[in-house]
């Protein structure tokens, strides 16, 4: 059994999707991020970086409980635990891993910063917003190019690269507008294919359920938002 510390962000959604695809038994433990639950000492014992997702595998290596944080590390751990969605060796393995890393180092960070400056930053940050919108579009072009040559991001088989990227890519019409989404037809077709998978449909439902149990960003207290984003009295000197 796996304890899954979760909320509704794309980095957490990818772990929902992995757990559902892999058929693993797990308990969801909602973490109210916009309520500050990630800063509690008990949670920071699990992840000193005070972020979700985190899993605790009660049947970890050697049959002992084992904690894993950071979504990419969790995906690799779960794939190796189950023997699913990640080739064991050879070029196929590294194809899958490097395209998963495109999500970890490109898609997630660029879209994360874009959303921050679009949704949370005060007015007067046009340079920052333009920069991250441009970088988000650039990485979408990379994904579009890849999917014009392969069925799945990692290659011929659906795997961890797709699981990592789908929770972000599915939000392109919402975050950047339907006209932007039309510029990436191969990516849109890939998103739709994954959305048809039963595990993805369960994931969307489960994500909605965990969101209902946690504070929405627009309901968070101003001081907590400052703490989360490291601004106001929380900014570095």
C-alpha atoms as a PDB file:
ATOM      1  CA  UNK A   1       0.000   0.000   0.000  1.00  0.00           C
ATOM      2  CA  UNK A   2       1.188   3.511  -0.853  1.00  0.00           C
ATOM      3  CA  UNK A   3       0.321   6.689   1.024  1.00  0.00           C
ATOM      4  CA  UNK A   4       0.048   9.498  -1.521  1.00  0.00           C
ATOM      5  CA  UNK A   5       0.315  13.080  -0.280  1.00  0.00           C
ATOM      6  CA  UNK A   6      -1.534  15.100  -2.863  1.00  0.00           C
ATOM      7  CA  UNK A   7      -3.395  18.166  -4.058  1.00  0.00           C
ATOM      8  CA  UNK A   8      -4.529  19.139  -7.558  1.00  0.00           C
ATOM      9  CA  UNK A   9      -1.496  20.641  -9.316  1.00  0.00           C
ATOM     10  CA  UNK A  10      -0.154  19.126 -12.570  1.00  0.00           C
ATOM     11  CA  UNK A  11       2.938  17.738 -10.829  1.00  0.00           C
ATOM     12  CA  UNK A  12       0.639  15.834  -8.488  1.00  0.00           C
ATOM     13  CA  UNK A  13      -1.744  14.785 -11.265  1.00  0.00           C
ATOM     14  CA  UNK A  14       1.088  12.911 -12.986  1.00  0.00           C
ATOM     15  CA  UNK A  15       1.448  10.681  -9.909  1.00  0.00           C
ATOM     16  CA  UNK A  16      -2.299  10.057  -9.805  1.00  0.00           C
ATOM     17  CA  UNK A  17      -2.062   8.993 -13.442  1.00  0.00           C
ATOM     18  CA  UNK A  18       0.914   6.721 -12.802  1.00  0.00           C
ATOM     19  CA  UNK A  19      -0.720   5.024  -9.828  1.00  0.00           C
ATOM     20  CA  UNK A  20      -3.909   4.455 -11.794  1.00  0.00           C
ATOM     21  CA  UNK A  21      -2.093   3.202 -14.891  1.00  0.00           C
ATOM     22  CA  UNK A  22       0.049   0.843 -12.842  1.00  0.00           C
ATOM     23  CA  UNK A  23      -2.857  -0.538 -10.833  1.00  0.00           C
ATOM     24  CA  UNK A  24      -1.244   0.143  -7.480  1.00  0.00           C
ATOM     25  CA  UNK A  25      -3.219   0.368  -4.252  1.00  0.00           C
ATOM     26  CA  UNK A  26      -2.889   3.730  -2.538  1.00  0.00           C
ATOM     27  CA  UNK A  27      -4.416   6.030   0.031  1.00  0.00           C
ATOM     28  CA  UNK A  28      -4.737   9.718  -0.779  1.00  0.00           C
ATOM     29  CA  UNK A  29      -3.699  12.069   2.007  1.00  0.00           C
ATOM     30  CA  UNK A  30      -4.752  15.571   0.895  1.00  0.00           C
ATOM     31  CA  UNK A  31      -2.260  18.332   1.641  1.00  0.00           C
ATOM     32  CA  UNK A  32      -3.851  21.774   1.829  1.00  0.00           C
ATOM     33  CA  UNK A  33      -1.026  23.680   0.147  1.00  0.00           C
ATOM     34  CA  UNK A  34      -2.818  27.037  -0.010  1.00  0.00           C
ATOM     35  CA  UNK A  35      -3.662  26.510   3.649  1.00  0.00           C
ATOM     36  CA  UNK A  36       0.036  26.012   4.465  1.00  0.00           C
ATOM     37  CA  UNK A  37      -0.051  22.318   5.402  1.00  0.00           C
ATOM     38  CA  UNK A  38       3.213  21.668   3.553  1.00  0.00           C
ATOM     39  CA  UNK A  39       5.068  23.817   6.081  1.00  0.00           C
ATOM     40  CA  UNK A  40       4.073  21.627   9.027  1.00  0.00           C
ATOM     41  CA  UNK A  41       7.003  19.889  10.730  1.00  0.00           C
ATOM     42  CA  UNK A  42       5.370  16.495  10.258  1.00  0.00           C
ATOM     43  CA  UNK A  43       5.133  16.972   6.510  1.00  0.00           C
ATOM     44  CA  UNK A  44       8.655  18.371   6.229  1.00  0.00           C
ATOM     45  CA  UNK A  45       9.909  15.129   7.751  1.00  0.00           C
ATOM     46  CA  UNK A  46       8.627  13.517   4.560  1.00  0.00           C
ATOM     47  CA  UNK A  47       9.897  16.229   2.217  1.00  0.00           C
ATOM     48  CA  UNK A  48      12.328  18.820   3.593  1.00  0.00           C
ATOM     49  CA  UNK A  49      11.573  20.889   0.484  1.00  0.00           C
ATOM     50  CA  UNK A  50       7.950  21.330   1.669  1.00  0.00           C
ATOM     51  CA  UNK A  51       6.329  20.376  -1.620  1.00  0.00           C
ATOM     52  CA  UNK A  52       3.905  17.796  -2.970  1.00  0.00           C
ATOM     53  CA  UNK A  53       3.755  15.150  -4.329  1.00  0.00           C
ATOM     54  CA  UNK A  54       5.211  12.685  -1.849  1.00  0.00           C
ATOM     55  CA  UNK A  55       4.634   8.955  -1.562  1.00  0.00           C
ATOM     56  CA  UNK A  56       5.365   6.585   1.291  1.00  0.00           C
ATOM     57  CA  UNK A  57       5.565   3.016   0.034  1.00  0.00           C
ATOM     58  CA  UNK A  58       4.846   0.773   3.001  1.00  0.00           C
ATOM     59  CA  UNK A  59       6.372  -2.113   1.054  1.00  0.00           C
ATOM     60  CA  UNK A  60       9.519  -0.362  -0.106  1.00  0.00           C
ATOM     61  CA  UNK A  61      13.005  -1.736  -0.779  1.00  0.00           C
ATOM     62  CA  UNK A  62      13.739  -4.632   1.539  1.00  0.00           C
ATOM     63  CA  UNK A  63      10.091  -4.751   2.570  1.00  0.00           C
ATOM     64  CA  UNK A  64      10.483  -1.567   4.629  1.00  0.00           C
ATOM     65  CA  UNK A  65       8.574   1.735   4.321  1.00  0.00           C
ATOM     66  CA  UNK A  66      10.274   4.138   1.963  1.00  0.00           C
ATOM     67  CA  UNK A  67       9.530   7.789   1.229  1.00  0.00           C
ATOM     68  CA  UNK A  68       9.983   9.342  -2.217  1.00  0.00           C
ATOM     69  CA  UNK A  69       9.515  13.011  -3.084  1.00  0.00           C
ATOM     70  CA  UNK A  70       9.859  14.986  -6.343  1.00  0.00           C
ATOM     71  CA  UNK A  71       7.525  13.862  -9.107  1.00  0.00           C
ATOM     72  CA  UNK A  72      10.192  12.658 -11.543  1.00  0.00           C
ATOM     73  CA  UNK A  73      11.854  10.521  -8.900  1.00  0.00           C
ATOM     74  CA  UNK A  74       8.452   9.115  -7.923  1.00  0.00           C
ATOM     75  CA  UNK A  75       7.666   8.180 -11.531  1.00  0.00           C
ATOM     76  CA  UNK A  76      10.950   6.335 -11.936  1.00  0.00           C
ATOM     77  CA  UNK A  77      10.492   4.606  -8.582  1.00  0.00           C
ATOM     78  CA  UNK A  78       6.974   3.432  -9.429  1.00  0.00           C
ATOM     79  CA  UNK A  79       7.957   2.335 -12.931  1.00  0.00           C
ATOM     80  CA  UNK A  80      10.828   0.259 -11.582  1.00  0.00           C
ATOM     81  CA  UNK A  81       8.714  -1.131  -8.745  1.00  0.00           C
ATOM     82  CA  UNK A  82       6.066  -2.385 -11.158  1.00  0.00           C
ATOM     83  CA  UNK A  83       8.176  -3.003 -14.263  1.00  0.00           C
ATOM     84  CA  UNK A  84       5.728  -0.870 -16.266  1.00  0.00           C
ATOM     85  CA  UNK A  85       6.002   2.171 -18.557  1.00  0.00           C
ATOM     86  CA  UNK A  86       9.810   2.377 -18.555  1.00  0.00           C
ATOM     87  CA  UNK A  87      12.037   0.049 -20.596  1.00  0.00           C
ATOM     88  CA  UNK A  88      14.543  -1.802 -18.474  1.00  0.00           C
ATOM     89  CA  UNK A  89      17.624  -1.088 -20.570  1.00  0.00           C
ATOM     90  CA  UNK A  90      19.030   0.046 -23.893  1.00  0.00           C
ATOM     91  CA  UNK A  91      18.307   3.105 -26.003  1.00  0.00           C
ATOM     92  CA  UNK A  92      14.554   2.831 -25.387  1.00  0.00           C
ATOM     93  CA  UNK A  93      15.109   3.426 -21.674  1.00  0.00           C
ATOM     94  CA  UNK A  94      17.139   6.568 -22.248  1.00  0.00           C
ATOM     95  CA  UNK A  95      14.726   7.837 -24.887  1.00  0.00           C
ATOM     96  CA  UNK A  96      11.967   7.598 -22.285  1.00  0.00           C
ATOM     97  CA  UNK A  97      14.035   9.212 -19.542  1.00  0.00           C
ATOM     98  CA  UNK A  98      15.329  12.115 -21.583  1.00  0.00           C
ATOM     99  CA  UNK A  99      11.852  13.011 -22.812  1.00  0.00           C
ATOM    100  CA  UNK A 100      10.566  12.793 -19.273  1.00  0.00           C
ATOM    101  CA  UNK A 101      13.354  15.216 -18.344  1.00  0.00           C
ATOM    102  CA  UNK A 102      12.104  17.627 -21.016  1.00  0.00           C
ATOM    103  CA  UNK A 103       8.979  17.860 -18.917  1.00  0.00           C
ATOM    104  CA  UNK A 104      10.882  18.147 -15.650  1.00  0.00           C
ATOM    105  CA  UNK A 105      13.309  20.844 -16.823  1.00  0.00           C
ATOM    106  CA  UNK A 106      11.268  22.556 -19.537  1.00  0.00           C
ATOM    107  CA  UNK A 107       7.515  22.084 -19.617  1.00  0.00           C
ATOM    108  CA  UNK A 108       6.926  22.232 -15.857  1.00  0.00           C
ATOM    109  CA  UNK A 109       9.238  25.141 -14.993  1.00  0.00           C
ATOM    110  CA  UNK A 110       8.296  27.297 -17.995  1.00  0.00           C
ATOM    111  CA  UNK A 111       4.562  26.793 -17.592  1.00  0.00           C
ATOM    112  CA  UNK A 112       4.864  27.143 -13.824  1.00  0.00           C
ATOM    113  CA  UNK A 113       6.503  30.543 -14.164  1.00  0.00           C
ATOM    114  CA  UNK A 114       4.104  31.587 -16.907  1.00  0.00           C
ATOM    115  CA  UNK A 115       1.120  30.765 -14.694  1.00  0.00           C
ATOM    116  CA  UNK A 116       2.705  32.598 -11.773  1.00  0.00           C
ATOM    117  CA  UNK A 117       3.177  35.840 -13.677  1.00  0.00           C
ATOM    118  CA  UNK A 118      -0.179  35.482 -15.427  1.00  0.00           C
ATOM    119  CA  UNK A 119      -2.213  34.702 -12.328  1.00  0.00           C
ATOM    120  CA  UNK A 120      -0.396  35.831  -9.200  1.00  0.00           C
ATOM    121  CA  UNK A 121       2.086  38.610  -9.961  1.00  0.00           C
ATOM    122  CA  UNK A 122       1.114  42.283  -9.617  1.00  0.00           C
ATOM    123  CA  UNK A 123       0.748  44.381 -12.747  1.00  0.00           C
ATOM    124  CA  UNK A 124       3.945  45.757 -14.211  1.00  0.00           C
ATOM    125  CA  UNK A 125       5.581  42.386 -14.905  1.00  0.00           C
ATOM    126  CA  UNK A 126       5.059  42.389 -18.677  1.00  0.00           C
ATOM    127  CA  UNK A 127       8.669  41.410 -19.376  1.00  0.00           C
ATOM    128  CA  UNK A 128       8.421  38.362 -17.115  1.00  0.00           C
ATOM    129  CA  UNK A 129       5.046  37.335 -18.502  1.00  0.00           C
ATOM    130  CA  UNK A 130       6.233  37.727 -22.092  1.00  0.00           C
ATOM    131  CA  UNK A 131       9.424  35.800 -21.373  1.00  0.00           C
ATOM    132  CA  UNK A 132       7.684  32.783 -19.890  1.00  0.00           C
ATOM    133  CA  UNK A 133       4.876  32.784 -22.434  1.00  0.00           C
ATOM    134  CA  UNK A 134       7.553  32.676 -25.127  1.00  0.00           C
ATOM    135  CA  UNK A 135       9.456  29.893 -23.370  1.00  0.00           C
ATOM    136  CA  UNK A 136       6.253  27.904 -22.882  1.00  0.00           C
ATOM    137  CA  UNK A 137       5.509  28.206 -26.598  1.00  0.00           C
ATOM    138  CA  UNK A 138       9.056  27.172 -27.448  1.00  0.00           C
ATOM    139  CA  UNK A 139       8.785  23.939 -25.455  1.00  0.00           C
ATOM    140  CA  UNK A 140       5.405  23.235 -27.030  1.00  0.00           C
ATOM    141  CA  UNK A 141       7.121  23.443 -30.401  1.00  0.00           C
ATOM    142  CA  UNK A 142       9.640  20.864 -29.191  1.00  0.00           C
ATOM    143  CA  UNK A 143       6.845  18.496 -28.146  1.00  0.00           C
ATOM    144  CA  UNK A 144       5.015  19.063 -31.424  1.00  0.00           C
ATOM    145  CA  UNK A 145       8.149  18.195 -33.341  1.00  0.00           C
ATOM    146  CA  UNK A 146       8.692  15.033 -31.353  1.00  0.00           C
ATOM    147  CA  UNK A 147       5.110  13.861 -31.791  1.00  0.00           C
ATOM    148  CA  UNK A 148       5.302  14.455 -35.533  1.00  0.00           C
ATOM    149  CA  UNK A 149       7.897  11.661 -35.607  1.00  0.00           C
ATOM    150  CA  UNK A 150       6.782   9.253 -32.868  1.00  0.00           C
ATOM    151  CA  UNK A 151       3.500   7.955 -31.503  1.00  0.00           C
ATOM    152  CA  UNK A 152       4.469   8.669 -27.911  1.00  0.00           C
ATOM    153  CA  UNK A 153       7.015  11.033 -26.384  1.00  0.00           C
ATOM    154  CA  UNK A 154       9.320   8.239 -25.281  1.00  0.00           C
ATOM    155  CA  UNK A 155       9.045   6.402 -28.584  1.00  0.00           C
ATOM    156  CA  UNK A 156       6.820   3.574 -29.794  1.00  0.00           C
ATOM    157  CA  UNK A 157       5.258   2.799 -26.403  1.00  0.00           C
ATOM    158  CA  UNK A 158       3.234   4.903 -23.959  1.00  0.00           C
ATOM    159  CA  UNK A 159       5.305   5.511 -20.848  1.00  0.00           C
ATOM    160  CA  UNK A 160       6.643   7.769 -18.124  1.00  0.00           C
ATOM    161  CA  UNK A 161       7.404  10.678 -20.476  1.00  0.00           C
ATOM    162  CA  UNK A 162       3.759  10.802 -21.522  1.00  0.00           C
ATOM    163  CA  UNK A 163       2.521  10.398 -17.961  1.00  0.00           C
ATOM    164  CA  UNK A 164       4.749  13.262 -16.824  1.00  0.00           C
ATOM    165  CA  UNK A 165       3.779  15.657 -19.614  1.00  0.00           C
ATOM    166  CA  UNK A 166       0.052  15.104 -20.113  1.00  0.00           C
ATOM    167  CA  UNK A 167      -1.145  16.911 -16.943  1.00  0.00           C
ATOM    168  CA  UNK A 168       0.554  20.092 -18.187  1.00  0.00           C
ATOM    169  CA  UNK A 169      -0.175  19.782 -21.907  1.00  0.00           C
ATOM    170  CA  UNK A 170      -3.890  19.188 -21.357  1.00  0.00           C
ATOM    171  CA  UNK A 171      -4.119  22.684 -19.841  1.00  0.00           C
ATOM    172  CA  UNK A 172      -2.756  24.550 -22.877  1.00  0.00           C
ATOM    173  CA  UNK A 173      -6.213  25.677 -24.128  1.00  0.00           C
ATOM    174  CA  UNK A 174      -7.118  26.894 -20.625  1.00  0.00           C
ATOM    175  CA  UNK A 175      -3.838  28.647 -19.870  1.00  0.00           C
ATOM    176  CA  UNK A 176      -2.925  29.989 -23.302  1.00  0.00           C
ATOM    177  CA  UNK A 177      -6.192  29.974 -25.216  1.00  0.00           C
ATOM    178  CA  UNK A 178      -7.743  27.705 -27.852  1.00  0.00           C
ATOM    179  CA  UNK A 179      -6.064  29.594 -30.686  1.00  0.00           C
ATOM    180  CA  UNK A 180      -2.643  28.712 -29.261  1.00  0.00           C
ATOM    181  CA  UNK A 181      -3.647  25.077 -28.878  1.00  0.00           C
ATOM    182  CA  UNK A 182      -4.526  24.957 -32.598  1.00  0.00           C
ATOM    183  CA  UNK A 183      -0.883  25.688 -33.425  1.00  0.00           C
ATOM    184  CA  UNK A 184       0.095  22.258 -32.082  1.00  0.00           C
ATOM    185  CA  UNK A 185      -2.182  19.679 -33.751  1.00  0.00           C
ATOM    186  CA  UNK A 186       0.017  16.654 -33.063  1.00  0.00           C
ATOM    187  CA  UNK A 187       0.208  17.578 -29.398  1.00  0.00           C
ATOM    188  CA  UNK A 188      -3.556  18.121 -29.236  1.00  0.00           C
ATOM    189  CA  UNK A 189      -4.187  14.702 -30.791  1.00  0.00           C
ATOM    190  CA  UNK A 190      -1.783  13.098 -28.297  1.00  0.00           C
ATOM    191  CA  UNK A 191      -3.538  14.841 -25.376  1.00  0.00           C
ATOM    192  CA  UNK A 192      -6.897  13.569 -26.621  1.00  0.00           C
ATOM    193  CA  UNK A 193      -5.582  10.005 -26.981  1.00  0.00           C
ATOM    194  CA  UNK A 194      -4.400   9.940 -23.382  1.00  0.00           C
ATOM    195  CA  UNK A 195      -7.618  11.559 -22.169  1.00  0.00           C
ATOM    196  CA  UNK A 196      -9.508   8.553 -23.565  1.00  0.00           C
ATOM    197  CA  UNK A 197      -7.573   6.103 -21.390  1.00  0.00           C
ATOM    198  CA  UNK A 198      -9.604   4.844 -18.410  1.00  0.00           C
ATOM    199  CA  UNK A 199      -6.758   5.663 -16.028  1.00  0.00           C
ATOM    200  CA  UNK A 200      -6.719   9.275 -17.232  1.00  0.00           C
ATOM    201  CA  UNK A 201     -10.469   9.571 -16.808  1.00  0.00           C
ATOM    202  CA  UNK A 202     -10.221   8.236 -13.262  1.00  0.00           C
ATOM    203  CA  UNK A 203      -7.356  10.634 -12.623  1.00  0.00           C
ATOM    204  CA  UNK A 204      -9.425  13.669 -13.608  1.00  0.00           C
ATOM    205  CA  UNK A 205     -12.233  12.565 -11.290  1.00  0.00           C
ATOM    206  CA  UNK A 206      -9.855  11.914  -8.389  1.00  0.00           C
ATOM    207  CA  UNK A 207      -8.125  15.257  -8.917  1.00  0.00           C
ATOM    208  CA  UNK A 208     -11.457  17.049  -8.701  1.00  0.00           C
ATOM    209  CA  UNK A 209     -12.153  15.217  -5.449  1.00  0.00           C
ATOM    210  CA  UNK A 210      -8.867  16.211  -3.819  1.00  0.00           C
ATOM    211  CA  UNK A 211      -9.303  19.828  -4.931  1.00  0.00           C
ATOM    212  CA  UNK A 212     -12.636  19.874  -3.125  1.00  0.00           C
ATOM    213  CA  UNK A 213     -10.819  18.915   0.091  1.00  0.00           C
ATOM    214  CA  UNK A 214      -8.178  21.653  -0.100  1.00  0.00           C
ATOM    215  CA  UNK A 215      -8.147  25.454  -0.243  1.00  0.00           C
ATOM    216  CA  UNK A 216      -8.448  27.006  -3.696  1.00  0.00           C
ATOM    217  CA  UNK A 217      -5.719  29.514  -4.533  1.00  0.00           C
ATOM    218  CA  UNK A 218      -8.242  32.360  -4.757  1.00  0.00           C
ATOM    219  CA  UNK A 219      -9.481  31.574  -1.232  1.00  0.00           C
ATOM    220  CA  UNK A 220      -6.051  31.552   0.418  1.00  0.00           C
ATOM    221  CA  UNK A 221      -5.107  34.122   3.036  1.00  0.00           C
ATOM    222  CA  UNK A 222      -2.835  36.928   1.726  1.00  0.00           C
ATOM    223  CA  UNK A 223      -0.097  36.163   4.253  1.00  0.00           C
ATOM    224  CA  UNK A 224      -0.068  32.508   3.234  1.00  0.00           C
ATOM    225  CA  UNK A 225       0.233  33.462  -0.426  1.00  0.00           C
ATOM    226  CA  UNK A 226       3.199  35.642   0.501  1.00  0.00           C
ATOM    227  CA  UNK A 227       4.799  32.731   2.338  1.00  0.00           C
ATOM    228  CA  UNK A 228       4.218  30.314  -0.539  1.00  0.00           C
ATOM    229  CA  UNK A 229       5.683  32.690  -3.097  1.00  0.00           C
ATOM    230  CA  UNK A 230       8.438  34.113  -0.906  1.00  0.00           C
ATOM    231  CA  UNK A 231       7.300  37.711  -1.112  1.00  0.00           C
ATOM    232  CA  UNK A 232       6.381  40.466   1.314  1.00  0.00           C
ATOM    233  CA  UNK A 233       7.809  39.784   4.758  1.00  0.00           C
ATOM    234  CA  UNK A 234       9.033  36.378   3.509  1.00  0.00           C
ATOM    235  CA  UNK A 235      11.276  37.580   0.720  1.00  0.00           C
ATOM    236  CA  UNK A 236      15.029  37.116   1.024  1.00  0.00           C
ATOM    237  CA  UNK A 237      16.965  40.182   2.161  1.00  0.00           C
END
